[in-house]
């Protein structure tokens, strides 16, 4: 099973994971053609090749993402055409 699929399955778990790390987010978003940008501080903008953008604040010091952040990430993946619940990559 690919790393992308493992991270995606972890993200989609119900109830939401309490251990989804910032590094996992960056890895997953890059694999779906998002690019991250930070102009200082802890606020990052993720932009997809399609033009869709969303922001996420990097959690300190743990790097563990909050549930509301996971919802925004899922929404972004759906917006770019990923079918949630699909086993397809």
N, C-alpha and C. Protein backbone atom coordinates (compact mmCIF):
# COMPACT_ATOMS: atom_id res chain seq x y z
N UNK A 1 0.85 -1.18 0.00
CA UNK A 1 0.00 0.00 0.00
C UNK A 1 0.90 1.24 0.00
N UNK A 2 0.57 2.21 -0.84
CA UNK A 2 1.40 3.41 -0.97
C UNK A 2 1.26 4.32 0.25
N UNK A 3 2.26 5.15 0.44
CA UNK A 3 2.24 6.09 1.56
C UNK A 3 1.05 7.05 1.42
N UNK A 4 0.77 7.46 0.17
CA UNK A 4 -0.35 8.37 -0.07
C UNK A 4 -1.65 7.74 0.40
N UNK A 5 -1.86 6.49 0.04
CA UNK A 5 -3.09 5.81 0.42
C UNK A 5 -3.18 5.62 1.93
N UNK A 6 -2.06 5.29 2.57
CA UNK A 6 -2.06 5.13 4.03
C UNK A 6 -2.42 6.45 4.73
N UNK A 7 -1.82 7.54 4.27
CA UNK A 7 -2.12 8.85 4.88
C UNK A 7 -3.57 9.26 4.62
N UNK A 8 -4.06 8.99 3.42
CA UNK A 8 -5.43 9.33 3.08
C UNK A 8 -6.40 8.52 3.94
N UNK A 9 -6.15 7.25 4.11
CA UNK A 9 -7.02 6.41 4.95
C UNK A 9 -6.99 6.89 6.39
N UNK A 10 -5.82 7.27 6.88
CA UNK A 10 -5.71 7.78 8.24
C UNK A 10 -6.52 9.07 8.39
N UNK A 11 -6.42 9.96 7.43
CA UNK A 11 -7.15 11.23 7.46
C UNK A 11 -8.66 11.00 7.47
N UNK A 12 -9.12 10.02 6.73
CA UNK A 12 -10.55 9.79 6.56
C UNK A 12 -11.20 8.94 7.67
N UNK A 13 -10.41 8.46 8.57
CA UNK A 13 -10.94 7.63 9.65
C UNK A 13 -12.05 8.33 10.41
N UNK A 14 -12.98 7.54 10.89
CA UNK A 14 -14.03 8.05 11.79
C UNK A 14 -13.99 7.23 13.06
N UNK A 15 -13.88 7.84 14.19
CA UNK A 15 -13.72 9.28 14.41
C UNK A 15 -12.36 9.77 13.88
N UNK A 16 -12.27 11.08 13.67
CA UNK A 16 -11.03 11.64 13.11
C UNK A 16 -9.82 11.29 13.98
N UNK A 17 -8.69 11.09 13.36
CA UNK A 17 -7.48 10.73 14.12
C UNK A 17 -7.04 11.88 15.04
N UNK A 18 -6.51 11.52 16.17
CA UNK A 18 -6.01 12.52 17.13
C UNK A 18 -4.49 12.64 17.02
N UNK A 19 -3.92 11.98 16.01
CA UNK A 19 -2.46 11.98 15.88
C UNK A 19 -2.00 12.28 14.45
N UNK A 20 -2.79 13.05 13.70
CA UNK A 20 -2.40 13.41 12.34
C UNK A 20 -1.44 14.59 12.43
N UNK A 21 -0.21 14.36 12.00
CA UNK A 21 0.86 15.34 12.18
C UNK A 21 0.98 16.32 11.01
N UNK A 22 1.57 17.45 11.30
CA UNK A 22 1.81 18.48 10.30
C UNK A 22 2.61 17.93 9.12
N UNK A 23 3.65 17.17 9.41
CA UNK A 23 4.48 16.60 8.35
C UNK A 23 3.67 15.67 7.44
N UNK A 24 2.71 14.93 8.02
CA UNK A 24 1.83 14.07 7.23
C UNK A 24 0.96 14.91 6.30
N UNK A 25 0.48 16.04 6.81
CA UNK A 25 -0.34 16.95 6.00
C UNK A 25 0.46 17.44 4.79
N UNK A 26 1.65 17.93 5.02
CA UNK A 26 2.48 18.46 3.94
C UNK A 26 2.77 17.37 2.90
N UNK A 27 3.10 16.19 3.37
CA UNK A 27 3.37 15.06 2.47
C UNK A 27 2.15 14.75 1.61
N UNK A 28 0.98 14.65 2.25
CA UNK A 28 -0.25 14.31 1.54
C UNK A 28 -0.63 15.39 0.54
N UNK A 29 -0.57 16.64 0.94
CA UNK A 29 -0.95 17.74 0.05
C UNK A 29 -0.02 17.82 -1.16
N UNK A 30 1.25 17.61 -0.95
CA UNK A 30 2.19 17.62 -2.08
C UNK A 30 1.88 16.51 -3.07
N UNK A 31 1.46 15.36 -2.56
CA UNK A 31 1.14 14.23 -3.43
C UNK A 31 -0.11 14.49 -4.26
N UNK A 32 -0.96 15.41 -3.80
CA UNK A 32 -2.15 15.78 -4.57
C UNK A 32 -1.97 17.14 -5.25
N UNK A 33 -0.73 17.51 -5.52
CA UNK A 33 -0.37 18.70 -6.31
C UNK A 33 -0.71 20.03 -5.63
N UNK A 34 -0.70 20.07 -4.31
CA UNK A 34 -0.80 21.33 -3.58
C UNK A 34 0.60 21.81 -3.29
N UNK A 35 0.77 23.11 -3.29
CA UNK A 35 2.03 23.73 -2.90
C UNK A 35 1.77 24.60 -1.69
N UNK A 36 2.67 24.54 -0.72
CA UNK A 36 2.48 25.33 0.49
C UNK A 36 3.37 26.57 0.45
N UNK A 37 2.87 27.62 1.11
CA UNK A 37 3.60 28.87 1.18
C UNK A 37 3.35 29.48 2.54
N UNK A 38 4.42 29.98 3.14
CA UNK A 38 4.32 30.65 4.44
C UNK A 38 5.12 31.94 4.34
N UNK A 39 4.45 33.03 4.65
CA UNK A 39 5.15 34.32 4.60
C UNK A 39 5.50 34.80 5.99
N UNK A 40 5.79 33.87 6.87
CA UNK A 40 6.15 34.19 8.24
C UNK A 40 5.07 33.73 9.20
N UNK A 41 5.46 33.48 10.41
CA UNK A 41 4.50 33.01 11.39
C UNK A 41 4.16 31.55 11.17
N UNK A 42 2.96 31.17 11.60
CA UNK A 42 2.57 29.76 11.52
C UNK A 42 1.42 29.52 10.55
N UNK A 43 1.01 30.54 9.80
CA UNK A 43 -0.09 30.37 8.85
C UNK A 43 0.45 30.00 7.48
N UNK A 44 -0.02 28.87 7.00
CA UNK A 44 0.41 28.36 5.69
C UNK A 44 -0.77 28.38 4.74
N UNK A 45 -0.48 28.73 3.49
CA UNK A 45 -1.47 28.70 2.43
C UNK A 45 -1.11 27.53 1.53
N UNK A 46 -2.11 26.68 1.28
CA UNK A 46 -1.94 25.56 0.35
C UNK A 46 -2.73 25.90 -0.90
N UNK A 47 -2.05 25.82 -2.05
CA UNK A 47 -2.71 26.14 -3.32
C UNK A 47 -2.55 24.97 -4.27
N UNK A 48 -3.68 24.58 -4.86
CA UNK A 48 -3.69 23.50 -5.83
C UNK A 48 -3.46 24.05 -7.22
N UNK A 49 -3.00 23.19 -8.11
CA UNK A 49 -2.78 23.60 -9.51
C UNK A 49 -4.05 24.16 -10.15
N UNK A 50 -5.22 23.73 -9.66
CA UNK A 50 -6.50 24.21 -10.19
C UNK A 50 -6.83 25.62 -9.73
N UNK A 51 -6.08 26.14 -8.75
CA UNK A 51 -6.34 27.47 -8.22
C UNK A 51 -7.02 27.48 -6.87
N UNK A 52 -7.48 26.31 -6.40
CA UNK A 52 -8.14 26.24 -5.09
C UNK A 52 -7.11 26.46 -3.99
N UNK A 53 -7.44 27.33 -3.03
CA UNK A 53 -6.55 27.65 -1.91
C UNK A 53 -7.26 27.46 -0.58
N UNK A 54 -6.49 27.08 0.42
CA UNK A 54 -7.00 27.09 1.79
C UNK A 54 -5.81 27.30 2.72
N UNK A 55 -6.09 27.79 3.92
CA UNK A 55 -5.02 28.05 4.86
C UNK A 55 -5.16 27.15 6.08
N UNK A 56 -4.00 26.85 6.66
CA UNK A 56 -3.93 26.03 7.86
C UNK A 56 -2.86 26.65 8.75
N UNK A 57 -3.16 26.71 10.02
CA UNK A 57 -2.18 27.20 10.98
C UNK A 57 -1.42 26.02 11.55
N UNK A 58 -0.11 26.09 11.50
CA UNK A 58 0.73 25.02 12.04
C UNK A 58 0.61 25.02 13.56
N UNK A 59 0.27 23.88 14.10
CA UNK A 59 0.08 23.78 15.54
C UNK A 59 1.43 23.64 16.24
N UNK A 60 1.55 24.35 17.34
CA UNK A 60 2.80 24.34 18.11
C UNK A 60 2.51 23.89 19.52
N UNK A 61 3.35 23.27 20.23
CA UNK A 61 4.61 22.70 19.76
C UNK A 61 4.46 21.28 19.23
N UNK A 62 3.30 20.69 19.39
CA UNK A 62 3.13 19.26 19.10
C UNK A 62 3.14 18.92 17.61
N UNK A 63 2.63 19.81 16.77
CA UNK A 63 2.53 19.51 15.35
C UNK A 63 1.35 18.62 15.02
N UNK A 64 0.50 18.34 16.01
CA UNK A 64 -0.69 17.51 15.80
C UNK A 64 -1.84 18.42 15.38
N UNK A 65 -2.52 18.07 14.29
CA UNK A 65 -3.59 18.91 13.77
C UNK A 65 -4.89 18.72 14.55
N UNK A 66 -5.66 19.77 14.62
CA UNK A 66 -6.96 19.76 15.30
C UNK A 66 -8.04 19.21 14.37
N UNK A 67 -9.16 18.81 14.96
CA UNK A 67 -10.25 18.22 14.18
C UNK A 67 -10.79 19.19 13.14
N UNK A 68 -10.95 20.46 13.46
CA UNK A 68 -11.48 21.41 12.49
C UNK A 68 -10.51 21.57 11.31
N UNK A 69 -9.22 21.45 11.56
CA UNK A 69 -8.24 21.52 10.48
C UNK A 69 -8.37 20.32 9.55
N UNK A 70 -8.61 19.15 10.14
CA UNK A 70 -8.78 17.93 9.34
C UNK A 70 -10.01 18.06 8.44
N UNK A 71 -11.08 18.67 8.95
CA UNK A 71 -12.29 18.88 8.14
C UNK A 71 -11.98 19.77 6.94
N UNK A 72 -11.20 20.83 7.16
CA UNK A 72 -10.83 21.73 6.06
C UNK A 72 -9.96 21.03 5.02
N UNK A 73 -9.10 20.15 5.47
CA UNK A 73 -8.25 19.39 4.56
C UNK A 73 -9.10 18.45 3.71
N UNK A 74 -10.03 17.77 4.34
CA UNK A 74 -10.93 16.87 3.61
C UNK A 74 -11.73 17.64 2.57
N UNK A 75 -12.22 18.82 2.97
CA UNK A 75 -13.00 19.67 2.05
C UNK A 75 -12.15 20.05 0.84
N UNK A 76 -10.88 20.37 1.06
CA UNK A 76 -9.99 20.74 -0.03
C UNK A 76 -9.79 19.57 -0.98
N UNK A 77 -9.62 18.38 -0.44
CA UNK A 77 -9.41 17.20 -1.29
C UNK A 77 -10.65 16.88 -2.11
N UNK A 78 -11.83 17.06 -1.51
CA UNK A 78 -13.08 16.85 -2.25
C UNK A 78 -13.20 17.88 -3.35
N UNK A 79 -12.84 19.12 -3.04
CA UNK A 79 -12.96 20.20 -4.02
C UNK A 79 -12.13 19.96 -5.27
N UNK A 80 -10.97 19.32 -5.10
CA UNK A 80 -10.13 19.06 -6.28
C UNK A 80 -10.53 17.78 -7.01
N UNK A 81 -11.58 17.12 -6.52
CA UNK A 81 -12.11 15.97 -7.25
C UNK A 81 -11.84 14.61 -6.65
N UNK A 82 -11.23 14.57 -5.47
CA UNK A 82 -10.99 13.29 -4.81
C UNK A 82 -12.31 12.77 -4.26
N UNK A 83 -12.62 11.54 -4.54
CA UNK A 83 -13.84 10.94 -4.04
C UNK A 83 -13.57 10.32 -2.68
N UNK A 84 -14.14 10.92 -1.65
CA UNK A 84 -13.96 10.43 -0.31
C UNK A 84 -14.67 9.09 -0.17
N UNK A 85 -13.97 8.14 0.41
CA UNK A 85 -14.54 6.81 0.55
C UNK A 85 -14.12 5.88 -0.55
N UNK A 86 -13.46 6.42 -1.56
CA UNK A 86 -12.98 5.61 -2.67
C UNK A 86 -11.62 5.01 -2.31
N UNK A 87 -11.35 3.83 -2.76
CA UNK A 87 -10.05 3.21 -2.55
C UNK A 87 -9.08 3.55 -3.66
N UNK A 88 -9.53 4.35 -4.61
CA UNK A 88 -8.67 4.73 -5.71
C UNK A 88 -7.65 5.75 -5.24
N UNK A 89 -6.51 5.72 -5.90
CA UNK A 89 -5.51 6.75 -5.63
C UNK A 89 -5.73 7.81 -6.64
